[in-house]
Amino acid sequence: YTYDLSIDMDSLQLDTARLDLSTLQTTSLFDLHYVQPYAC
C-alpha cells in the first residue's frame, strides 16, 4: 500500500521474506515499521 496516498507513512509497514536461491522458493518472515532503520 505504499502508493495509497490515503495511508499515512507512519502507518505503513515493511514486510520481509526469505528467498532460497537453490529452490527459488520464498518464505514470509516478519514485518516492521516502514521508517525503521535495519541491517542484516
ModelCIF file with pLDDT and N, C-alpha, C, O atoms, coordinates in Angstrom:
data_MODEL
#
_entry.id   MODEL 
#
_entity.id                         1 
_entity.type                       polymer 
_entity.pdbx_number_of_molecules   1 
#
_entity_poly.entity_id                      1 
_entity_poly.type                           'polypeptide(L)' 
_entity_poly.nstd_linkage                   no 
_entity_poly.nstd_monomer                   no 
_entity_poly.pdbx_seq_one_letter_code       YTYDLSIDMDSLQLDTARLDLSTLQTTSLFDLHYVQPYAC 
_entity_poly.pdbx_seq_one_letter_code_can   YTYDLSIDMDSLQLDTARLDLSTLQTTSLFDLHYVQPYAC 
_entity_poly.pdbx_strand_id                 A 
#
loop_
_entity_poly_seq.entity_id 
_entity_poly_seq.num 
_entity_poly_seq.mon_id 
_entity_poly_seq.hetero 
1 1  TYR n 
1 2  THR n 
1 3  TYR n 
1 4  ASP n 
1 5  LEU n 
1 6  SER n 
1 7  ILE n 
1 8  ASP n 
1 9  MET n 
1 10 ASP n 
1 11 SER n 
1 12 LEU n 
1 13 GLN n 
1 14 LEU n 
1 15 ASP n 
1 16 THR n 
1 17 ALA n 
1 18 ARG n 
1 19 LEU n 
1 20 ASP n 
1 21 LEU n 
1 22 SER n 
1 23 THR n 
1 24 LEU n 
1 25 GLN n 
1 26 THR n 
1 27 THR n 
1 28 SER n 
1 29 LEU n 
1 30 PHE n 
1 31 ASP n 
1 32 LEU n 
1 33 HIS n 
1 34 TYR n 
1 35 VAL n 
1 36 GLN n 
1 37 PRO n 
1 38 TYR n 
1 39 ALA n 
1 40 CYS n 
#
_struct_asym.id          A 
_struct_asym.entity_id   1 
#
loop_
_ma_qa_metric.id 
_ma_qa_metric.mode 
_ma_qa_metric.name 
_ma_qa_metric.software_group_id 
_ma_qa_metric.type 
1 global pLDDT . pLDDT 
2 local  pLDDT . pLDDT 
#
_ma_qa_metric_global.metric_id      1 
_ma_qa_metric_global.metric_value   84.25 
_ma_qa_metric_global.model_id       1 
_ma_qa_metric_global.ordinal_id     1 
#
loop_
_ma_qa_metric_local.label_asym_id 
_ma_qa_metric_local.label_comp_id 
_ma_qa_metric_local.label_seq_id 
_ma_qa_metric_local.metric_id 
_ma_qa_metric_local.metric_value 
_ma_qa_metric_local.model_id 
_ma_qa_metric_local.ordinal_id 
A TYR 1  2 65.00 1 1  
A THR 2  2 61.00 1 2  
A TYR 3  2 59.00 1 3  
A ASP 4  2 61.00 1 4  
A LEU 5  2 59.00 1 5  
A SER 6  2 62.00 1 6  
A ILE 7  2 66.00 1 7  
A ASP 8  2 67.00 1 8  
A MET 9  2 66.00 1 9  
A ASP 10 2 70.00 1 10 
A SER 11 2 73.00 1 11 
A LEU 12 2 81.00 1 12 
A GLN 13 2 86.00 1 13 
A LEU 14 2 89.00 1 14 
A ASP 15 2 93.00 1 15 
A THR 16 2 95.00 1 16 
A ALA 17 2 96.00 1 17 
A ARG 18 2 97.00 1 18 
A LEU 19 2 97.00 1 19 
A ASP 20 2 97.00 1 20 
A LEU 21 2 97.00 1 21 
A SER 22 2 95.00 1 22 
A THR 23 2 95.00 1 23 
A LEU 24 2 95.00 1 24 
A GLN 25 2 95.00 1 25 
A THR 26 2 96.00 1 26 
A THR 27 2 96.00 1 27 
A SER 28 2 96.00 1 28 
A LEU 29 2 97.00 1 29 
A PHE 30 2 95.00 1 30 
A ASP 31 2 92.00 1 31 
A LEU 32 2 89.00 1 32 
A HIS 33 2 82.00 1 33 
A TYR 34 2 75.00 1 34 
A VAL 35 2 75.00 1 35 
A GLN 36 2 87.00 1 36 
A PRO 37 2 91.00 1 37 
A TYR 38 2 93.00 1 38 
A ALA 39 2 94.00 1 39 
A CYS 40 2 95.00 1 40 
#
loop_
_atom_site.group_PDB 
_atom_site.id 
_atom_site.type_symbol 
_atom_site.label_atom_id 
_atom_site.label_alt_id 
_atom_site.label_comp_id 
_atom_site.label_asym_id 
_atom_site.label_entity_id 
_atom_site.label_seq_id 
_atom_site.pdbx_PDB_ins_code 
_atom_site.Cartn_x 
_atom_site.Cartn_y 
_atom_site.Cartn_z 
_atom_site.occupancy 
_atom_site.B_iso_or_equiv 
_atom_site.pdbx_formal_charge 
_atom_site.auth_seq_id 
_atom_site.auth_comp_id 
_atom_site.auth_asym_id 
_atom_site.auth_atom_id 
_atom_site.pdbx_PDB_model_num 
ATOM 1   N N  . TYR A 1 1  ? 0.806  -1.228  0.000  1.00 65.00 ? 1  TYR A N  1 
ATOM 2   C CA . TYR A 1 1  ? 0.000  0.000   0.000  1.00 65.00 ? 1  TYR A CA 1 
ATOM 3   C C  . TYR A 1 1  ? 0.843  1.284   0.000  1.00 65.00 ? 1  TYR A C  1 
ATOM 4   O O  . TYR A 1 1  ? 0.335  2.344   0.366  1.00 65.00 ? 1  TYR A O  1 
ATOM 5   N N  . THR A 1 2  ? 2.089  1.211   -0.393 1.00 61.00 ? 2  THR A N  1 
ATOM 6   C CA . THR A 1 2  ? 2.925  2.412   -0.335 1.00 61.00 ? 2  THR A CA 1 
ATOM 7   C C  . THR A 1 2  ? 2.431  3.502   -1.282 1.00 61.00 ? 2  THR A C  1 
ATOM 8   O O  . THR A 1 2  ? 2.704  4.681   -1.055 1.00 61.00 ? 2  THR A O  1 
ATOM 9   N N  . TYR A 1 3  ? 1.699  3.126   -2.352 1.00 59.00 ? 3  TYR A N  1 
ATOM 10  C CA . TYR A 1 3  ? 1.190  4.114   -3.293 1.00 59.00 ? 3  TYR A CA 1 
ATOM 11  C C  . TYR A 1 3  ? -0.221 4.597   -2.966 1.00 59.00 ? 3  TYR A C  1 
ATOM 12  O O  . TYR A 1 3  ? -0.794 5.402   -3.700 1.00 59.00 ? 3  TYR A O  1 
ATOM 13  N N  . ASP A 1 4  ? -0.771 4.106   -1.870 1.00 61.00 ? 4  ASP A N  1 
ATOM 14  C CA . ASP A 1 4  ? -2.087 4.572   -1.427 1.00 61.00 ? 4  ASP A CA 1 
ATOM 15  C C  . ASP A 1 4  ? -1.888 5.829   -0.593 1.00 61.00 ? 4  ASP A C  1 
ATOM 16  O O  . ASP A 1 4  ? -1.531 5.749   0.583  1.00 61.00 ? 4  ASP A O  1 
ATOM 17  N N  . LEU A 1 5  ? -2.120 6.995   -1.202 1.00 59.00 ? 5  LEU A N  1 
ATOM 18  C CA . LEU A 1 5  ? -1.832 8.260   -0.535 1.00 59.00 ? 5  LEU A CA 1 
ATOM 19  C C  . LEU A 1 5  ? -2.773 8.544   0.634  1.00 59.00 ? 5  LEU A C  1 
ATOM 20  O O  . LEU A 1 5  ? -2.538 9.473   1.407  1.00 59.00 ? 5  LEU A O  1 
ATOM 21  N N  . SER A 1 6  ? -3.836 7.749   0.765  1.00 62.00 ? 6  SER A N  1 
ATOM 22  C CA . SER A 1 6  ? -4.731 7.942   1.899  1.00 62.00 ? 6  SER A CA 1 
ATOM 23  C C  . SER A 1 6  ? -4.166 7.349   3.181  1.00 62.00 ? 6  SER A C  1 
ATOM 24  O O  . SER A 1 6  ? -4.679 7.612   4.269  1.00 62.00 ? 6  SER A O  1 
ATOM 25  N N  . ILE A 1 7  ? -3.108 6.547   3.055  1.00 66.00 ? 7  ILE A N  1 
ATOM 26  C CA . ILE A 1 7  ? -2.480 5.918   4.218  1.00 66.00 ? 7  ILE A CA 1 
ATOM 27  C C  . ILE A 1 7  ? -1.275 6.736   4.646  1.00 66.00 ? 7  ILE A C  1 
ATOM 28  O O  . ILE A 1 7  ? -0.374 6.985   3.845  1.00 66.00 ? 7  ILE A O  1 
ATOM 29  N N  . ASP A 1 8  ? -1.254 7.151   5.898  1.00 67.00 ? 8  ASP A N  1 
ATOM 30  C CA . ASP A 1 8  ? -0.148 7.925   6.438  1.00 67.00 ? 8  ASP A CA 1 
ATOM 31  C C  . ASP A 1 8  ? 1.125  7.081   6.449  1.00 67.00 ? 8  ASP A C  1 
ATOM 32  O O  . ASP A 1 8  ? 1.071  5.877   6.699  1.00 67.00 ? 8  ASP A O  1 
ATOM 33  N N  . MET A 1 9  ? 2.285  7.720   6.176  1.00 66.00 ? 9  MET A N  1 
ATOM 34  C CA . MET A 1 9  ? 3.548  6.998   6.132  1.00 66.00 ? 9  MET A CA 1 
ATOM 35  C C  . MET A 1 9  ? 3.824  6.269   7.443  1.00 66.00 ? 9  MET A C  1 
ATOM 36  O O  . MET A 1 9  ? 4.411  5.187   7.438  1.00 66.00 ? 9  MET A O  1 
ATOM 37  N N  . ASP A 1 10 ? 3.402  6.857   8.573  1.00 70.00 ? 10 ASP A N  1 
ATOM 38  C CA . ASP A 1 10 ? 3.635  6.225   9.865  1.00 70.00 ? 10 ASP A CA 1 
ATOM 39  C C  . ASP A 1 10 ? 2.846  4.942   10.025 1.00 70.00 ? 10 ASP A C  1 
ATOM 40  O O  . ASP A 1 10 ? 3.123  4.151   10.926 1.00 70.00 ? 10 ASP A O  1 
ATOM 41  N N  . SER A 1 11 ? 1.856  4.725   9.153  1.00 73.00 ? 11 SER A N  1 
ATOM 42  C CA . SER A 1 11 ? 1.043  3.514   9.248  1.00 73.00 ? 11 SER A CA 1 
ATOM 43  C C  . SER A 1 11 ? 1.534  2.409   8.320  1.00 73.00 ? 11 SER A C  1 
ATOM 44  O O  . SER A 1 11 ? 1.054  1.278   8.401  1.00 73.00 ? 11 SER A O  1 
ATOM 45  N N  . LEU A 1 12 ? 2.487  2.719   7.439  1.00 81.00 ? 12 LEU A N  1 
ATOM 46  C CA . LEU A 1 12 ? 2.998  1.716   6.514  1.00 81.00 ? 12 LEU A CA 1 
ATOM 47  C C  . LEU A 1 12 ? 3.910  0.732   7.228  1.00 81.00 ? 12 LEU A C  1 
ATOM 48  O O  . LEU A 1 12 ? 4.542  1.062   8.231  1.00 81.00 ? 12 LEU A O  1 
ATOM 49  N N  . GLN A 1 13 ? 3.967  -0.476  6.696  1.00 86.00 ? 13 GLN A N  1 
ATOM 50  C CA . GLN A 1 13 ? 4.861  -1.472  7.265  1.00 86.00 ? 13 GLN A CA 1 
ATOM 51  C C  . GLN A 1 13 ? 5.790  -2.024  6.197  1.00 86.00 ? 13 GLN A C  1 
ATOM 52  O O  . GLN A 1 13 ? 5.475  -2.006  5.007  1.00 86.00 ? 13 GLN A O  1 
ATOM 53  N N  . LEU A 1 14 ? 6.930  -2.510  6.639  1.00 89.00 ? 14 LEU A N  1 
ATOM 54  C CA . LEU A 1 14 ? 7.913  -3.133  5.757  1.00 89.00 ? 14 LEU A CA 1 
ATOM 55  C C  . LEU A 1 14 ? 7.847  -4.636  6.006  1.00 89.00 ? 14 LEU A C  1 
ATOM 56  O O  . LEU A 1 14 ? 8.166  -5.101  7.100  1.00 89.00 ? 14 LEU A O  1 
ATOM 57  N N  . ASP A 1 15 ? 7.437  -5.389  5.001  1.00 93.00 ? 15 ASP A N  1 
ATOM 58  C CA . ASP A 1 15 ? 7.372  -6.837  5.120  1.00 93.00 ? 15 ASP A CA 1 
ATOM 59  C C  . ASP A 1 15 ? 8.670  -7.455  4.615  1.00 93.00 ? 15 ASP A C  1 
ATOM 60  O O  . ASP A 1 15 ? 9.293  -6.943  3.685  1.00 93.00 ? 15 ASP A O  1 
ATOM 61  N N  . THR A 1 16 ? 9.067  -8.550  5.231  1.00 95.00 ? 16 THR A N  1 
ATOM 62  C CA . THR A 1 16 ? 10.311 -9.223  4.845  1.00 95.00 ? 16 THR A CA 1 
ATOM 63  C C  . THR A 1 16 ? 10.025 -10.669 4.451  1.00 95.00 ? 16 THR A C  1 
ATOM 64  O O  . THR A 1 16 ? 9.087  -11.296 4.945  1.00 95.00 ? 16 THR A O  1 
ATOM 65  N N  . ALA A 1 17 ? 10.853 -11.174 3.556  1.00 96.00 ? 17 ALA A N  1 
ATOM 66  C CA . ALA A 1 17 ? 10.722 -12.557 3.101  1.00 96.00 ? 17 ALA A CA 1 
ATOM 67  C C  . ALA A 1 17 ? 12.111 -13.113 2.807  1.00 96.00 ? 17 ALA A C  1 
ATOM 68  O O  . ALA A 1 17 ? 13.061 -12.362 2.584  1.00 96.00 ? 17 ALA A O  1 
ATOM 69  N N  . ARG A 1 18 ? 12.214 -14.425 2.809  1.00 97.00 ? 18 ARG A N  1 
ATOM 70  C CA . ARG A 1 18 ? 13.468 -15.126 2.546  1.00 97.00 ? 18 ARG A CA 1 
ATOM 71  C C  . ARG A 1 18 ? 13.333 -15.897 1.235  1.00 97.00 ? 18 ARG A C  1 
ATOM 72  O O  . ARG A 1 18 ? 12.427 -16.716 1.084  1.00 97.00 ? 18 ARG A O  1 
ATOM 73  N N  . LEU A 1 19 ? 14.235 -15.633 0.288  1.00 97.00 ? 19 LEU A N  1 
ATOM 74  C CA . LEU A 1 19 ? 14.227 -16.333 -0.989 1.00 97.00 ? 19 LEU A CA 1 
ATOM 75  C C  . LEU A 1 19 ? 15.407 -17.292 -1.044 1.00 97.00 ? 19 LEU A C  1 
ATOM 76  O O  . LEU A 1 19 ? 16.561 -16.864 -1.081 1.00 97.00 ? 19 LEU A O  1 
ATOM 77  N N  . ASP A 1 20 ? 15.116 -18.595 -1.050 1.00 97.00 ? 20 ASP A N  1 
ATOM 78  C CA . ASP A 1 20 ? 16.146 -19.620 -1.166 1.00 97.00 ? 20 ASP A CA 1 
ATOM 79  C C  . ASP A 1 20 ? 16.528 -19.741 -2.643 1.00 97.00 ? 20 ASP A C  1 
ATOM 80  O O  . ASP A 1 20 ? 15.712 -20.173 -3.458 1.00 97.00 ? 20 ASP A O  1 
ATOM 81  N N  . LEU A 1 21 ? 17.744 -19.369 -2.990 1.00 97.00 ? 21 LEU A N  1 
ATOM 82  C CA . LEU A 1 21 ? 18.161 -19.362 -4.397 1.00 97.00 ? 21 LEU A CA 1 
ATOM 83  C C  . LEU A 1 21 ? 18.339 -20.762 -4.971 1.00 97.00 ? 21 LEU A C  1 
ATOM 84  O O  . LEU A 1 21 ? 18.344 -20.930 -6.191 1.00 97.00 ? 21 LEU A O  1 
ATOM 85  N N  . SER A 1 22 ? 18.485 -21.765 -4.113 1.00 95.00 ? 22 SER A N  1 
ATOM 86  C CA . SER A 1 22 ? 18.624 -23.132 -4.623 1.00 95.00 ? 22 SER A CA 1 
ATOM 87  C C  . SER A 1 22 ? 17.296 -23.707 -5.090 1.00 95.00 ? 22 SER A C  1 
ATOM 88  O O  . SER A 1 22 ? 17.264 -24.611 -5.924 1.00 95.00 ? 22 SER A O  1 
ATOM 89  N N  . THR A 1 23 ? 16.190 -23.177 -4.547 1.00 95.00 ? 23 THR A N  1 
ATOM 90  C CA . THR A 1 23 ? 14.866 -23.668 -4.932 1.00 95.00 ? 23 THR A CA 1 
ATOM 91  C C  . THR A 1 23 ? 13.984 -22.581 -5.526 1.00 95.00 ? 23 THR A C  1 
ATOM 92  O O  . THR A 1 23 ? 12.944 -22.876 -6.114 1.00 95.00 ? 23 THR A O  1 
ATOM 93  N N  . LEU A 1 24 ? 14.397 -21.310 -5.374 1.00 95.00 ? 24 LEU A N  1 
ATOM 94  C CA . LEU A 1 24 ? 13.608 -20.139 -5.776 1.00 95.00 ? 24 LEU A CA 1 
ATOM 95  C C  . LEU A 1 24 ? 12.248 -20.114 -5.072 1.00 95.00 ? 24 LEU A C  1 
ATOM 96  O O  . LEU A 1 24 ? 11.251 -19.656 -5.630 1.00 95.00 ? 24 LEU A O  1 
ATOM 97  N N  . GLN A 1 25 ? 12.232 -20.616 -3.840 1.00 95.00 ? 25 GLN A N  1 
ATOM 98  C CA . GLN A 1 25 ? 11.031 -20.585 -3.009 1.00 95.00 ? 25 GLN A CA 1 
ATOM 99  C C  . GLN A 1 25 ? 11.142 -19.448 -2.000 1.00 95.00 ? 25 GLN A C  1 
ATOM 100 O O  . GLN A 1 25 ? 12.193 -19.240 -1.394 1.00 95.00 ? 25 GLN A O  1 
ATOM 101 N N  . THR A 1 26 ? 10.037 -18.712 -1.829 1.00 96.00 ? 26 THR A N  1 
ATOM 102 C CA . THR A 1 26 ? 10.005 -17.566 -0.928 1.00 96.00 ? 26 THR A CA 1 
ATOM 103 C C  . THR A 1 26 ? 9.194  -17.890 0.317  1.00 96.00 ? 26 THR A C  1 
ATOM 104 O O  . THR A 1 26 ? 8.119  -18.484 0.233  1.00 96.00 ? 26 THR A O  1 
ATOM 105 N N  . THR A 1 27 ? 9.725  -17.490 1.489  1.00 96.00 ? 27 THR A N  1 
ATOM 106 C CA . THR A 1 27 ? 9.045  -17.700 2.754  1.00 96.00 ? 27 THR A CA 1 
ATOM 107 C C  . THR A 1 27 ? 8.911  -16.361 3.474  1.00 96.00 ? 27 THR A C  1 
ATOM 108 O O  . THR A 1 27 ? 9.904  -15.659 3.664  1.00 96.00 ? 27 THR A O  1 
ATOM 109 N N  . SER A 1 28 ? 7.689  -16.001 3.875  1.00 96.00 ? 28 SER A N  1 
ATOM 110 C CA . SER A 1 28 ? 7.477  -14.763 4.626  1.00 96.00 ? 28 SER A CA 1 
ATOM 111 C C  . SER A 1 28 ? 8.111  -14.886 6.007  1.00 96.00 ? 28 SER A C  1 
ATOM 112 O O  . SER A 1 28 ? 8.094  -15.955 6.618  1.00 96.00 ? 28 SER A O  1 
ATOM 113 N N  . LEU A 1 29 ? 8.672  -13.773 6.493  1.00 97.00 ? 29 LEU A N  1 
ATOM 114 C CA . LEU A 1 29 ? 9.360  -13.792 7.777  1.00 97.00 ? 29 LEU A CA 1 
ATOM 115 C C  . LEU A 1 29 ? 8.644  -12.947 8.830  1.00 97.00 ? 29 LEU A C  1 
ATOM 116 O O  . LEU A 1 29 ? 8.069  -13.502 9.767  1.00 97.00 ? 29 LEU A O  1 
ATOM 117 N N  . PHE A 1 30 ? 8.665  -11.615 8.700  1.00 95.00 ? 30 PHE A N  1 
ATOM 118 C CA . PHE A 1 30 ? 8.098  -10.723 9.709  1.00 95.00 ? 30 PHE A CA 1 
ATOM 119 C C  . PHE A 1 30 ? 7.872  -9.364  9.073  1.00 95.00 ? 30 PHE A C  1 
ATOM 120 O O  . PHE A 1 30 ? 8.282  -9.130  7.937  1.00 95.00 ? 30 PHE A O  1 
ATOM 121 N N  . ASP A 1 31 ? 7.219  -8.464  9.802  1.00 92.00 ? 31 ASP A N  1 
ATOM 122 C CA . ASP A 1 31 ? 7.057  -7.101  9.315  1.00 92.00 ? 31 ASP A CA 1 
ATOM 123 C C  . ASP A 1 31 ? 7.461  -6.125  10.410 1.00 92.00 ? 31 ASP A C  1 
ATOM 124 O O  . ASP A 1 31 ? 7.491  -6.481  11.588 1.00 92.00 ? 31 ASP A O  1 
ATOM 125 N N  . LEU A 1 32 ? 7.769  -4.899  10.020 1.00 89.00 ? 32 LEU A N  1 
ATOM 126 C CA . LEU A 1 32 ? 8.159  -3.863  10.961 1.00 89.00 ? 32 LEU A CA 1 
ATOM 127 C C  . LEU A 1 32 ? 7.730  -2.518  10.413 1.00 89.00 ? 32 LEU A C  1 
ATOM 128 O O  . LEU A 1 32 ? 7.212  -2.424  9.300  1.00 89.00 ? 32 LEU A O  1 
ATOM 129 N N  . HIS A 1 33 ? 7.950  -1.470  11.206 1.00 82.00 ? 33 HIS A N  1 
ATOM 130 C CA . HIS A 1 33 ? 7.533  -0.132  10.803 1.00 82.00 ? 33 HIS A CA 1 
ATOM 131 C C  . HIS A 1 33 ? 8.343  0.314   9.588  1.00 82.00 ? 33 HIS A C  1 
ATOM 132 O O  . HIS A 1 33 ? 9.540  0.045   9.499  1.00 82.00 ? 33 HIS A O  1 
ATOM 133 N N  . TYR A 1 34 ? 7.685  0.992   8.661  1.00 75.00 ? 34 TYR A N  1 
ATOM 134 C CA . TYR A 1 34 ? 8.283  1.352   7.385  1.00 75.00 ? 34 TYR A CA 1 
ATOM 135 C C  . TYR A 1 34 ? 9.559  2.171   7.530  1.00 75.00 ? 34 TYR A C  1 
ATOM 136 O O  . TYR A 1 34 ? 10.518 1.940   6.793  1.00 75.00 ? 34 TYR A O  1 
ATOM 137 N N  . VAL A 1 35 ? 9.595  3.123   8.462  1.00 75.00 ? 35 VAL A N  1 
ATOM 138 C CA . VAL A 1 35 ? 10.730 4.045   8.530  1.00 75.00 ? 35 VAL A CA 1 
ATOM 139 C C  . VAL A 1 35 ? 11.834 3.562   9.459  1.00 75.00 ? 35 VAL A C  1 
ATOM 140 O O  . VAL A 1 35 ? 12.822 4.275   9.639  1.00 75.00 ? 35 VAL A O  1 
ATOM 141 N N  . GLN A 1 36 ? 11.708 2.384   10.053 1.00 87.00 ? 36 GLN A N  1 
ATOM 142 C CA . GLN A 1 36 ? 12.754 1.908   10.952 1.00 87.00 ? 36 GLN A CA 1 
ATOM 143 C C  . GLN A 1 36 ? 14.018 1.562   10.176 1.00 87.00 ? 36 GLN A C  1 
ATOM 144 O O  . GLN A 1 36 ? 13.933 0.955   9.109  1.00 87.00 ? 36 GLN A O  1 
ATOM 145 N N  . PRO A 1 37 ? 15.194 1.936   10.691 1.00 91.00 ? 37 PRO A N  1 
ATOM 146 C CA . PRO A 1 37 ? 16.441 1.516   10.046 1.00 91.00 ? 37 PRO A CA 1 
ATOM 147 C C  . PRO A 1 37 ? 16.657 0.022   10.257 1.00 91.00 ? 37 PRO A C  1 
ATOM 148 O O  . PRO A 1 37 ? 16.139 -0.554  11.214 1.00 91.00 ? 37 PRO A O  1 
ATOM 149 N N  . TYR A 1 38 ? 17.421 -0.603  9.369  1.00 93.00 ? 38 TYR A N  1 
ATOM 150 C CA . TYR A 1 38 ? 17.651 -2.041  9.530  1.00 93.00 ? 38 TYR A CA 1 
ATOM 151 C C  . TYR A 1 38 ? 18.963 -2.451  8.868  1.00 93.00 ? 38 TYR A C  1 
ATOM 152 O O  . TYR A 1 38 ? 19.498 -1.742  8.016  1.00 93.00 ? 38 TYR A O  1 
ATOM 153 N N  . ALA A 1 39 ? 19.467 -3.614  9.281  1.00 94.00 ? 39 ALA A N  1 
ATOM 154 C CA . ALA A 1 39 ? 20.673 -4.218  8.701  1.00 94.00 ? 39 ALA A CA 1 
ATOM 155 C C  . ALA A 1 39 ? 20.669 -5.701  9.032  1.00 94.00 ? 39 ALA A C  1 
ATOM 156 O O  . ALA A 1 39 ? 20.043 -6.123  10.004 1.00 94.00 ? 39 ALA A O  1 
ATOM 157 N N  . CYS A 1 40 ? 21.372 -6.496  8.220  1.00 95.00 ? 40 CYS A N  1 
ATOM 158 C CA . CYS A 1 40 ? 21.461 -7.947  8.424  1.00 95.00 ? 40 CYS A CA 1 
ATOM 159 C C  . CYS A 1 40 ? 22.908 -8.348  8.642  1.00 95.00 ? 40 CYS A C  1 
ATOM 160 O O  . CYS A 1 40 ? 23.199 -9.529  8.834  1.00 95.00 ? 40 CYS A O  1 
#
